[in-house]
Amino acid sequence: MATSRLKLLWSPEAERDLGDAYDYVAITGSPGGAANLLRSLEQGCRSLLDYPHKGRPRSELTSGLRSMVIHPYVVFYRLSETAVEVVRVLHGRRDIDAIFGAD
């Protein structure tokens, strides 16, 4: 596996999204399930360091935005020369257009 020079950054909104996802699963399911979910989401996001173009472009939402599904969540991120910035981590059933203010 190639060594990545990219850094993984989390926006405050993405950090809050992770906390919300954890809380929801811990309350409605189990703390163990919530921990597994976080681990899966974090591993998936770390994979972007080696494969930053893995996700699909989502310019219809915001210029330069990409997304990748980690079922049932969708990770939205931006790329720069030095970093992958996770912008949001949203459940796939959410109204994505409304959240990003797309027409």
PDB file of N, CA and C in Angstrom:
ATOM      1  N   MET A   1       0.848  -1.177   0.000  1.00  0.00           N
ATOM      2  CA  MET A   1       0.000   0.000   0.000  1.00  0.00           C
ATOM      3  C   MET A   1       0.892   1.238   0.000  1.00  0.00           C
ATOM      4  N   ALA A   2       0.553   2.212  -0.797  1.00  0.00           N
ATOM      5  CA  ALA A   2       1.341   3.435  -0.902  1.00  0.00           C
ATOM      6  C   ALA A   2       1.224   4.257   0.372  1.00  0.00           C
ATOM      7  N   THR A   3       2.317   4.952   0.681  1.00  0.00           N
ATOM      8  CA  THR A   3       2.304   5.837   1.838  1.00  0.00           C
ATOM      9  C   THR A   3       1.749   7.182   1.400  1.00  0.00           C
ATOM     10  N   SER A   4       0.716   7.641   2.064  1.00  0.00           N
ATOM     11  CA  SER A   4       0.062   8.886   1.696  1.00  0.00           C
ATOM     12  C   SER A   4       0.715  10.059   2.400  1.00  0.00           C
ATOM     13  N   ARG A   5       0.784  11.163   1.700  1.00  0.00           N
ATOM     14  CA  ARG A   5       1.277  12.399   2.304  1.00  0.00           C
ATOM     15  C   ARG A   5       0.119  13.312   2.677  1.00  0.00           C
ATOM     16  N   LEU A   6      -1.069  12.872   2.402  1.00  0.00           N
ATOM     17  CA  LEU A   6      -2.244  13.662   2.736  1.00  0.00           C
ATOM     18  C   LEU A   6      -2.562  13.542   4.220  1.00  0.00           C
ATOM     19  N   LYS A   7      -3.159  14.595   4.758  1.00  0.00           N
ATOM     20  CA  LYS A   7      -3.646  14.578   6.140  1.00  0.00           C
ATOM     21  C   LYS A   7      -5.161  14.424   6.096  1.00  0.00           C
ATOM     22  N   LEU A   8      -5.703  13.780   7.112  1.00  0.00           N
ATOM     23  CA  LEU A   8      -7.150  13.657   7.244  1.00  0.00           C
ATOM     24  C   LEU A   8      -7.617  14.710   8.237  1.00  0.00           C
ATOM     25  N   LEU A   9      -8.473  15.605   7.775  1.00  0.00           N
ATOM     26  CA  LEU A   9      -9.014  16.671   8.614  1.00  0.00           C
ATOM     27  C   LEU A   9     -10.522  16.487   8.741  1.00  0.00           C
ATOM     28  N   TRP A  10     -11.056  16.873   9.892  1.00  0.00           N
ATOM     29  CA  TRP A  10     -12.492  16.772  10.155  1.00  0.00           C
ATOM     30  C   TRP A  10     -13.031  18.169  10.435  1.00  0.00           C
ATOM     31  N   SER A  11     -14.071  18.571   9.722  1.00  0.00           N
ATOM     32  CA  SER A  11     -14.717  19.847  10.025  1.00  0.00           C
ATOM     33  C   SER A  11     -15.455  19.705  11.356  1.00  0.00           C
ATOM     34  N   PRO A  12     -15.733  20.822  12.020  1.00  0.00           N
ATOM     35  CA  PRO A  12     -16.532  20.745  13.254  1.00  0.00           C
ATOM     36  C   PRO A  12     -17.889  20.075  13.013  1.00  0.00           C
ATOM     37  N   GLU A  13     -18.486  20.326  11.846  1.00  0.00           N
ATOM     38  CA  GLU A  13     -19.778  19.708  11.527  1.00  0.00           C
ATOM     39  C   GLU A  13     -19.647  18.193  11.400  1.00  0.00           C
ATOM     40  N   ALA A  14     -18.566  17.735  10.766  1.00  0.00           N
ATOM     41  CA  ALA A  14     -18.351  16.290  10.618  1.00  0.00           C
ATOM     42  C   ALA A  14     -18.121  15.636  11.978  1.00  0.00           C
ATOM     43  N   GLU A  15     -17.374  16.313  12.845  1.00  0.00           N
ATOM     44  CA  GLU A  15     -17.161  15.776  14.197  1.00  0.00           C
ATOM     45  C   GLU A  15     -18.485  15.675  14.942  1.00  0.00           C
ATOM     46  N   ARG A  16     -19.316  16.693  14.786  1.00  0.00           N
ATOM     47  CA  ARG A  16     -20.639  16.668  15.434  1.00  0.00           C
ATOM     48  C   ARG A  16     -21.497  15.545  14.840  1.00  0.00           C
ATOM     49  N   ASP A  17     -21.427  15.375  13.507  1.00  0.00           N
ATOM     50  CA  ASP A  17     -22.174  14.292  12.854  1.00  0.00           C
ATOM     51  C   ASP A  17     -21.773  12.932  13.417  1.00  0.00           C
ATOM     52  N   LEU A  18     -20.471  12.713  13.615  1.00  0.00           N
ATOM     53  CA  LEU A  18     -20.006  11.439  14.186  1.00  0.00           C
ATOM     54  C   LEU A  18     -20.568  11.234  15.588  1.00  0.00           C
ATOM     55  N   GLY A  19     -20.532  12.291  16.392  1.00  0.00           N
ATOM     56  CA  GLY A  19     -21.078  12.206  17.746  1.00  0.00           C
ATOM     57  C   GLY A  19     -22.567  11.909  17.742  1.00  0.00           C
ATOM     58  N   ASP A  20     -23.288  12.563  16.836  1.00  0.00           N
ATOM     59  CA  ASP A  20     -24.733  12.327  16.723  1.00  0.00           C
ATOM     60  C   ASP A  20     -25.026  10.888  16.299  1.00  0.00           C
ATOM     61  N   ALA A  21     -24.247  10.373  15.339  1.00  0.00           N
ATOM     62  CA  ALA A  21     -24.440   8.994  14.875  1.00  0.00           C
ATOM     63  C   ALA A  21     -24.171   8.017  16.012  1.00  0.00           C
ATOM     64  N   TYR A  22     -23.093   8.254  16.741  1.00  0.00           N
ATOM     65  CA  TYR A  22     -22.752   7.386  17.872  1.00  0.00           C
ATOM     66  C   TYR A  22     -23.891   7.393  18.895  1.00  0.00           C
ATOM     67  N   ASP A  23     -24.325   8.590  19.278  1.00  0.00           N
ATOM     68  CA  ASP A  23     -25.386   8.707  20.283  1.00  0.00           C
ATOM     69  C   ASP A  23     -26.657   7.990  19.843  1.00  0.00           C
ATOM     70  N   TYR A  24     -27.052   8.174  18.590  1.00  0.00           N
ATOM     71  CA  TYR A  24     -28.280   7.556  18.094  1.00  0.00           C
ATOM     72  C   TYR A  24     -28.194   6.031  18.172  1.00  0.00           C
ATOM     73  N   VAL A  25     -27.092   5.473  17.684  1.00  0.00           N
ATOM     74  CA  VAL A  25     -26.958   4.013  17.684  1.00  0.00           C
ATOM     75  C   VAL A  25     -26.822   3.486  19.109  1.00  0.00           C
ATOM     76  N   ALA A  26     -26.116   4.210  19.966  1.00  0.00           N
ATOM     77  CA  ALA A  26     -25.956   3.768  21.356  1.00  0.00           C
ATOM     78  C   ALA A  26     -27.300   3.736  22.080  1.00  0.00           C
ATOM     79  N   ILE A  27     -28.170   4.702  21.777  1.00  0.00           N
ATOM     80  CA  ILE A  27     -29.471   4.780  22.444  1.00  0.00           C
ATOM     81  C   ILE A  27     -30.470   3.781  21.852  1.00  0.00           C
ATOM     82  N   THR A  28     -30.514   3.690  20.522  1.00  0.00           N
ATOM     83  CA  THR A  28     -31.514   2.832  19.879  1.00  0.00           C
ATOM     84  C   THR A  28     -31.039   1.403  19.673  1.00  0.00           C
ATOM     85  N   GLY A  29     -29.747   1.200  19.732  1.00  0.00           N
ATOM     86  CA  GLY A  29     -29.181  -0.136  19.530  1.00  0.00           C
ATOM     87  C   GLY A  29     -28.352  -0.531  20.724  1.00  0.00           C
ATOM     88  N   SER A  30     -27.043  -0.347  20.590  1.00  0.00           N
ATOM     89  CA  SER A  30     -26.152  -0.694  21.693  1.00  0.00           C
ATOM     90  C   SER A  30     -24.880   0.134  21.608  1.00  0.00           C
ATOM     91  N   PRO A  31     -24.228   0.360  22.762  1.00  0.00           N
ATOM     92  CA  PRO A  31     -22.942   1.066  22.743  1.00  0.00           C
ATOM     93  C   PRO A  31     -21.899   0.334  21.894  1.00  0.00           C
ATOM     94  N   GLY A  32     -21.937  -0.998  21.907  1.00  0.00           N
ATOM     95  CA  GLY A  32     -20.996  -1.761  21.079  1.00  0.00           C
ATOM     96  C   GLY A  32     -21.231  -1.523  19.599  1.00  0.00           C
ATOM     97  N   GLY A  33     -22.491  -1.480  19.212  1.00  0.00           N
ATOM     98  CA  GLY A  33     -22.832  -1.193  17.821  1.00  0.00           C
ATOM     99  C   GLY A  33     -22.416   0.210  17.417  1.00  0.00           C
ATOM    100  N   ALA A  34     -22.563   1.146  18.352  1.00  0.00           N
ATOM    101  CA  ALA A  34     -22.155   2.526  18.083  1.00  0.00           C
ATOM    102  C   ALA A  34     -20.646   2.614  17.897  1.00  0.00           C
ATOM    103  N   ALA A  35     -19.903   1.893  18.725  1.00  0.00           N
ATOM    104  CA  ALA A  35     -18.439   1.883  18.599  1.00  0.00           C
ATOM    105  C   ALA A  35     -18.025   1.260  17.270  1.00  0.00           C
ATOM    106  N   ASN A  36     -18.699   0.187  16.865  1.00  0.00           N
ATOM    107  CA  ASN A  36     -18.404  -0.442  15.568  1.00  0.00           C
ATOM    108  C   ASN A  36     -18.690   0.507  14.410  1.00  0.00           C
ATOM    109  N   LEU A  37     -19.787   1.248  14.512  1.00  0.00           N
ATOM    110  CA  LEU A  37     -20.132   2.213  13.473  1.00  0.00           C
ATOM    111  C   LEU A  37     -19.038   3.265  13.343  1.00  0.00           C
ATOM    112  N   LEU A  38     -18.612   3.833  14.479  1.00  0.00           N
ATOM    113  CA  LEU A  38     -17.555   4.849  14.431  1.00  0.00           C
ATOM    114  C   LEU A  38     -16.279   4.289  13.830  1.00  0.00           C
ATOM    115  N   ARG A  39     -15.928   3.094  14.230  1.00  0.00           N
ATOM    116  CA  ARG A  39     -14.716   2.455  13.703  1.00  0.00           C
ATOM    117  C   ARG A  39     -14.814   2.298  12.186  1.00  0.00           C
ATOM    118  N   SER A  40     -15.958   1.856  11.706  1.00  0.00           N
ATOM    119  CA  SER A  40     -16.174   1.672  10.273  1.00  0.00           C
ATOM    120  C   SER A  40     -16.088   3.002   9.521  1.00  0.00           C
ATOM    121  N   LEU A  41     -16.732   4.027  10.054  1.00  0.00           N
ATOM    122  CA  LEU A  41     -16.691   5.344   9.415  1.00  0.00           C
ATOM    123  C   LEU A  41     -15.273   5.908   9.397  1.00  0.00           C
ATOM    124  N   GLU A  42     -14.565   5.787  10.511  1.00  0.00           N
ATOM    125  CA  GLU A  42     -13.200   6.314  10.577  1.00  0.00           C
ATOM    126  C   GLU A  42     -12.266   5.549   9.646  1.00  0.00           C
ATOM    127  N   GLN A  43     -12.401   4.224   9.582  1.00  0.00           N
ATOM    128  CA  GLN A  43     -11.572   3.427   8.661  1.00  0.00           C
ATOM    129  C   GLN A  43     -11.858   3.804   7.214  1.00  0.00           C
ATOM    130  N   GLY A  44     -13.114   3.950   6.885  1.00  0.00           N
ATOM    131  CA  GLY A  44     -13.479   4.342   5.526  1.00  0.00           C
ATOM    132  C   GLY A  44     -12.899   5.689   5.152  1.00  0.00           C
ATOM    133  N   CYS A  45     -12.954   6.627   6.085  1.00  0.00           N
ATOM    134  CA  CYS A  45     -12.394   7.953   5.815  1.00  0.00           C
ATOM    135  C   CYS A  45     -10.875   7.893   5.698  1.00  0.00           C
ATOM    136  N   ARG A  46     -10.225   7.088   6.509  1.00  0.00           N
ATOM    137  CA  ARG A  46      -8.765   6.934   6.396  1.00  0.00           C
ATOM    138  C   ARG A  46      -8.375   6.330   5.049  1.00  0.00           C
ATOM    139  N   SER A  47      -9.245   5.490   4.475  1.00  0.00           N
ATOM    140  CA  SER A  47      -8.936   4.898   3.167  1.00  0.00           C
ATOM    141  C   SER A  47      -8.833   5.971   2.083  1.00  0.00           C
ATOM    142  N   LEU A  48      -9.458   7.117   2.309  1.00  0.00           N
ATOM    143  CA  LEU A  48      -9.372   8.216   1.347  1.00  0.00           C
ATOM    144  C   LEU A  48      -7.962   8.785   1.253  1.00  0.00           C
ATOM    145  N   LEU A  49      -7.152   8.570   2.273  1.00  0.00           N
ATOM    146  CA  LEU A  49      -5.771   9.057   2.221  1.00  0.00           C
ATOM    147  C   LEU A  49      -4.979   8.331   1.139  1.00  0.00           C
ATOM    148  N   ASP A  50      -5.282   7.070   0.912  1.00  0.00           N
ATOM    149  CA  ASP A  50      -4.610   6.299  -0.135  1.00  0.00           C
ATOM    150  C   ASP A  50      -5.352   6.355  -1.470  1.00  0.00           C
ATOM    151  N   TYR A  51      -6.659   6.552  -1.418  1.00  0.00           N
ATOM    152  CA  TYR A  51      -7.486   6.572  -2.630  1.00  0.00           C
ATOM    153  C   TYR A  51      -8.413   7.788  -2.587  1.00  0.00           C
ATOM    154  N   PRO A  52      -7.861   8.997  -2.696  1.00  0.00           N
ATOM    155  CA  PRO A  52      -8.669  10.206  -2.503  1.00  0.00           C
ATOM    156  C   PRO A  52      -9.773  10.421  -3.539  1.00  0.00           C
ATOM    157  N   HIS A  53      -9.644   9.807  -4.706  1.00  0.00           N
ATOM    158  CA  HIS A  53     -10.668   9.977  -5.740  1.00  0.00           C
ATOM    159  C   HIS A  53     -11.680   8.831  -5.734  1.00  0.00           C
ATOM    160  N   LYS A  54     -11.665   8.059  -4.659  1.00  0.00           N
ATOM    161  CA  LYS A  54     -12.560   6.913  -4.490  1.00  0.00           C
ATOM    162  C   LYS A  54     -14.030   7.323  -4.598  1.00  0.00           C
ATOM    163  N   GLY A  55     -14.371   8.433  -4.000  1.00  0.00           N
ATOM    164  CA  GLY A  55     -15.751   8.901  -4.019  1.00  0.00           C
ATOM    165  C   GLY A  55     -16.099   9.578  -5.332  1.00  0.00           C
ATOM    166  N   ARG A  56     -17.376   9.899  -5.469  1.00  0.00           N
ATOM    167  CA  ARG A  56     -17.810  10.534  -6.711  1.00  0.00           C
ATOM    168  C   ARG A  56     -17.944  12.043  -6.515  1.00  0.00           C
ATOM    169  N   PRO A  57     -17.721  12.810  -7.585  1.00  0.00           N
ATOM    170  CA  PRO A  57     -17.894  14.265  -7.494  1.00  0.00           C
ATOM    171  C   PRO A  57     -19.341  14.620  -7.158  1.00  0.00           C
ATOM    172  N   ARG A  58     -19.506  15.638  -6.311  1.00  0.00           N
ATOM    173  CA  ARG A  58     -20.843  16.119  -5.934  1.00  0.00           C
ATOM    174  C   ARG A  58     -20.924  17.630  -6.119  1.00  0.00           C
ATOM    175  N   SER A  59     -20.426  18.096  -7.256  1.00  0.00           N
ATOM    176  CA  SER A  59     -20.399  19.534  -7.544  1.00  0.00           C
ATOM    177  C   SER A  59     -21.791  20.146  -7.614  1.00  0.00           C
ATOM    178  N   GLU A  60     -22.826  19.309  -7.810  1.00  0.00           N
ATOM    179  CA  GLU A  60     -24.187  19.845  -7.825  1.00  0.00           C
ATOM    180  C   GLU A  60     -24.594  20.352  -6.441  1.00  0.00           C
ATOM    181  N   LEU A  61     -23.903  19.902  -5.413  1.00  0.00           N
ATOM    182  CA  LEU A  61     -24.186  20.353  -4.044  1.00  0.00           C
ATOM    183  C   LEU A  61     -23.309  21.538  -3.665  1.00  0.00           C
ATOM    184  N   THR A  62     -22.008  21.392  -3.888  1.00  0.00           N
ATOM    185  CA  THR A  62     -21.023  22.432  -3.581  1.00  0.00           C
ATOM    186  C   THR A  62     -19.794  22.172  -4.442  1.00  0.00           C
ATOM    187  N   SER A  63     -19.229  23.218  -4.975  1.00  0.00           N
ATOM    188  CA  SER A  63     -18.049  23.084  -5.829  1.00  0.00           C
ATOM    189  C   SER A  63     -16.918  22.360  -5.098  1.00  0.00           C
ATOM    190  N   GLY A  64     -16.338  21.368  -5.764  1.00  0.00           N
ATOM    191  CA  GLY A  64     -15.205  20.636  -5.211  1.00  0.00           C
ATOM    192  C   GLY A  64     -15.560  19.537  -4.227  1.00  0.00           C
ATOM    193  N   LEU A  65     -16.844  19.339  -3.984  1.00  0.00           N
ATOM    194  CA  LEU A  65     -17.279  18.338  -3.008  1.00  0.00           C
ATOM    195  C   LEU A  65     -17.307  16.948  -3.648  1.00  0.00           C
ATOM    196  N   ARG A  66     -16.950  15.941  -2.869  1.00  0.00           N
ATOM    197  CA  ARG A  66     -17.024  14.536  -3.291  1.00  0.00           C
ATOM    198  C   ARG A  66     -17.767  13.775  -2.196  1.00  0.00           C
ATOM    199  N   SER A  67     -18.278  12.588  -2.534  1.00  0.00           N
ATOM    200  CA  SER A  67     -18.933  11.771  -1.511  1.00  0.00           C
ATOM    201  C   SER A  67     -18.593  10.308  -1.705  1.00  0.00           C
ATOM    202  N   MET A  68     -18.670   9.595  -0.595  1.00  0.00           N
ATOM    203  CA  MET A  68     -18.418   8.160  -0.571  1.00  0.00           C
ATOM    204  C   MET A  68     -19.420   7.546   0.403  1.00  0.00           C
ATOM    205  N   VAL A  69     -20.011   6.431   0.015  1.00  0.00           N
ATOM    206  CA  VAL A  69     -20.982   5.753   0.873  1.00  0.00           C
ATOM    207  C   VAL A  69     -20.260   4.770   1.780  1.00  0.00           C
ATOM    208  N   ILE A  70     -20.570   4.860   3.066  1.00  0.00           N
ATOM    209  CA  ILE A  70     -20.196   3.853   4.059  1.00  0.00           C
ATOM    210  C   ILE A  70     -21.529   3.508   4.717  1.00  0.00           C
ATOM    211  N   HIS A  71     -22.214   2.564   4.124  1.00  0.00           N
ATOM    212  CA  HIS A  71     -23.614   2.263   4.426  1.00  0.00           C
ATOM    213  C   HIS A  71     -23.886   2.155   5.923  1.00  0.00           C
ATOM    214  N   PRO A  72     -24.914   2.848   6.397  1.00  0.00           N
ATOM    215  CA  PRO A  72     -25.913   3.639   5.694  1.00  0.00           C
ATOM    216  C   PRO A  72     -25.581   5.136   5.640  1.00  0.00           C
ATOM    217  N   TYR A  73     -24.324   5.489   5.874  1.00  0.00           N
ATOM    218  CA  TYR A  73     -23.912   6.892   5.898  1.00  0.00           C
ATOM    219  C   TYR A  73     -23.248   7.303   4.594  1.00  0.00           C
ATOM    220  N   VAL A  74     -23.271   8.608   4.343  1.00  0.00           N
ATOM    221  CA  VAL A  74     -22.582   9.188   3.196  1.00  0.00           C
ATOM    222  C   VAL A  74     -21.580  10.191   3.751  1.00  0.00           C
ATOM    223  N   VAL A  75     -20.327  10.006   3.373  1.00  0.00           N
ATOM    224  CA  VAL A  75     -19.248  10.895   3.803  1.00  0.00           C
ATOM    225  C   VAL A  75     -19.018  11.907   2.687  1.00  0.00           C
ATOM    226  N   PHE A  76     -19.078  13.177   3.028  1.00  0.00           N
ATOM    227  CA  PHE A  76     -18.823  14.258   2.078  1.00  0.00           C
ATOM    228  C   PHE A  76     -17.468  14.857   2.417  1.00  0.00           C
ATOM    229  N   TYR A  77     -16.638  15.033   1.379  1.00  0.00           N
ATOM    230  CA  TYR A  77     -15.282  15.512   1.632  1.00  0.00           C
ATOM    231  C   TYR A  77     -14.772  16.367   0.485  1.00  0.00           C
ATOM    232  N   ARG A  78     -13.703  17.107   0.799  1.00  0.00           N
ATOM    233  CA  ARG A  78     -13.003  17.924  -0.193  1.00  0.00           C
ATOM    234  C   ARG A  78     -11.546  17.511  -0.209  1.00  0.00           C
ATOM    235  N   LEU A  79     -10.938  17.667  -1.368  1.00  0.00           N
ATOM    236  CA  LEU A  79      -9.517  17.365  -1.520  1.00  0.00           C
ATOM    237  C   LEU A  79      -8.730  18.646  -1.726  1.00  0.00           C
ATOM    238  N   SER A  80      -7.536  18.672  -1.158  1.00  0.00           N
ATOM    239  CA  SER A  80      -6.569  19.714  -1.484  1.00  0.00           C
ATOM    240  C   SER A  80      -5.254  19.002  -1.760  1.00  0.00           C
ATOM    241  N   GLU A  81      -4.214  19.750  -2.041  1.00  0.00           N
ATOM    242  CA  GLU A  81      -2.919  19.122  -2.308  1.00  0.00           C
ATOM    243  C   GLU A  81      -2.347  18.442  -1.072  1.00  0.00           C
ATOM    244  N   THR A  82      -2.784  18.876   0.106  1.00  0.00           N
ATOM    245  CA  THR A  82      -2.199  18.362   1.345  1.00  0.00           C
ATOM    246  C   THR A  82      -3.159  17.594   2.238  1.00  0.00           C
ATOM    247  N   ALA A  83      -4.458  17.651   1.935  1.00  0.00           N
ATOM    248  CA  ALA A  83      -5.407  17.067   2.889  1.00  0.00           C
ATOM    249  C   ALA A  83      -6.681  16.554   2.224  1.00  0.00           C
ATOM    250  N   VAL A  84      -7.301  15.636   2.944  1.00  0.00           N
ATOM    251  CA  VAL A  84      -8.678  15.226   2.695  1.00  0.00           C
ATOM    252  C   VAL A  84      -9.451  15.790   3.879  1.00  0.00           C
ATOM    253  N   GLU A  85     -10.388  16.697   3.596  1.00  0.00           N
ATOM    254  CA  GLU A  85     -11.192  17.273   4.672  1.00  0.00           C
ATOM    255  C   GLU A  85     -12.589  16.674   4.623  1.00  0.00           C
ATOM    256  N   VAL A  86     -12.940  15.957   5.674  1.00  0.00           N
ATOM    257  CA  VAL A  86     -14.290  15.416   5.796  1.00  0.00           C
ATOM    258  C   VAL A  86     -15.179  16.569   6.245  1.00  0.00           C
ATOM    259  N   VAL A  87     -16.163  16.884   5.417  1.00  0.00           N
ATOM    260  CA  VAL A  87     -17.028  18.036   5.643  1.00  0.00           C
ATOM    261  C   VAL A  87     -18.269  17.651   6.440  1.00  0.00           C
ATOM    262  N   ARG A  88     -18.909  16.540   6.060  1.00  0.00           N
ATOM    263  CA  ARG A  88     -20.104  16.050   6.750  1.00  0.00           C
ATOM    264  C   ARG A  88     -20.136  14.532   6.676  1.00  0.00           C
ATOM    265  N   VAL A  89     -20.803  13.927   7.650  1.00  0.00           N
ATOM    266  CA  VAL A  89     -21.063  12.488   7.667  1.00  0.00           C
ATOM    267  C   VAL A  89     -22.556  12.361   7.969  1.00  0.00           C
ATOM    268  N   LEU A  90     -23.344  12.065   6.935  1.00  0.00           N
ATOM    269  CA  LEU A  90     -24.801  12.111   7.059  1.00  0.00           C
ATOM    270  C   LEU A  90     -25.434  10.764   6.737  1.00  0.00           C
ATOM    271  N   HIS A  91     -26.488  10.457   7.461  1.00  0.00           N
ATOM    272  CA  HIS A  91     -27.242   9.238   7.160  1.00  0.00           C
ATOM    273  C   HIS A  91     -27.815   9.374   5.758  1.00  0.00           C
ATOM    274  N   GLY A  92     -27.793   8.304   4.997  1.00  0.00           N
ATOM    275  CA  GLY A  92     -28.259   8.321   3.618  1.00  0.00           C
ATOM    276  C   GLY A  92     -29.718   8.693   3.441  1.00  0.00           C
ATOM    277  N   ARG A  93     -30.516   8.600   4.488  1.00  0.00           N
ATOM    278  CA  ARG A  93     -31.940   8.947   4.389  1.00  0.00           C
ATOM    279  C   ARG A  93     -32.202  10.432   4.639  1.00  0.00           C
ATOM    280  N   ARG A  94     -31.162  11.160   5.009  1.00  0.00           N
ATOM    281  CA  ARG A  94     -31.342  12.598   5.246  1.00  0.00           C
ATOM    282  C   ARG A  94     -31.576  13.313   3.917  1.00  0.00           C
ATOM    283  N   ASP A  95     -32.150  14.508   3.984  1.00  0.00           N
ATOM    284  CA  ASP A  95     -32.377  15.330   2.788  1.00  0.00           C
ATOM    285  C   ASP A  95     -31.083  16.083   2.490  1.00  0.00           C
ATOM    286  N   ILE A  96     -30.218  15.444   1.722  1.00  0.00           N
ATOM    287  CA  ILE A  96     -28.882  15.970   1.438  1.00  0.00           C
ATOM    288  C   ILE A  96     -28.961  17.320   0.728  1.00  0.00           C
ATOM    289  N   ASP A  97     -29.858  17.445  -0.256  1.00  0.00           N
ATOM    290  CA  ASP A  97     -29.988  18.710  -0.986  1.00  0.00           C
ATOM    291  C   ASP A  97     -30.327  19.851  -0.036  1.00  0.00           C
ATOM    292  N   ALA A  98     -31.239  19.617   0.886  1.00  0.00           N
ATOM    293  CA  ALA A  98     -31.628  20.666   1.828  1.00  0.00           C
ATOM    294  C   ALA A  98     -30.471  21.023   2.760  1.00  0.00           C
ATOM    295  N   ILE A  99     -29.716  20.034   3.195  1.00  0.00           N
ATOM    296  CA  ILE A  99     -28.602  20.282   4.111  1.00  0.00           C
ATOM    297  C   ILE A  99     -27.533  21.137   3.446  1.00  0.00           C
ATOM    298  N   PHE A 100     -27.238  20.857   2.176  1.00  0.00           N
ATOM    299  CA  PHE A 100     -26.223  21.624   1.463  1.00  0.00           C
ATOM    300  C   PHE A 100     -26.805  22.846   0.754  1.00  0.00           C
ATOM    301  N   GLY A 101     -28.117  23.022   0.842  1.00  0.00           N
ATOM    302  CA  GLY A 101     -28.749  24.188   0.240  1.00  0.00           C
ATOM    303  C   GLY A 101     -28.787  24.150  -1.274  1.00  0.00           C
ATOM    304  N   ALA A 102     -28.774  22.935  -1.852  1.00  0.00           N
ATOM    305  CA  ALA A 102     -28.823  22.806  -3.316  1.00  0.00           C
ATOM    306  C   ALA A 102     -30.232  23.074  -3.817  1.00  0.00           C
ATOM    307  N   ASP A 103     -30.309  23.563  -5.040  1.00  0.00           N
ATOM    308  CA  ASP A 103     -31.626  23.826  -5.645  1.00  0.00           C
ATOM    309  C   ASP A 103     -32.251  22.557  -6.159  1.00  0.00           C
TER     310      ASP A 103
END
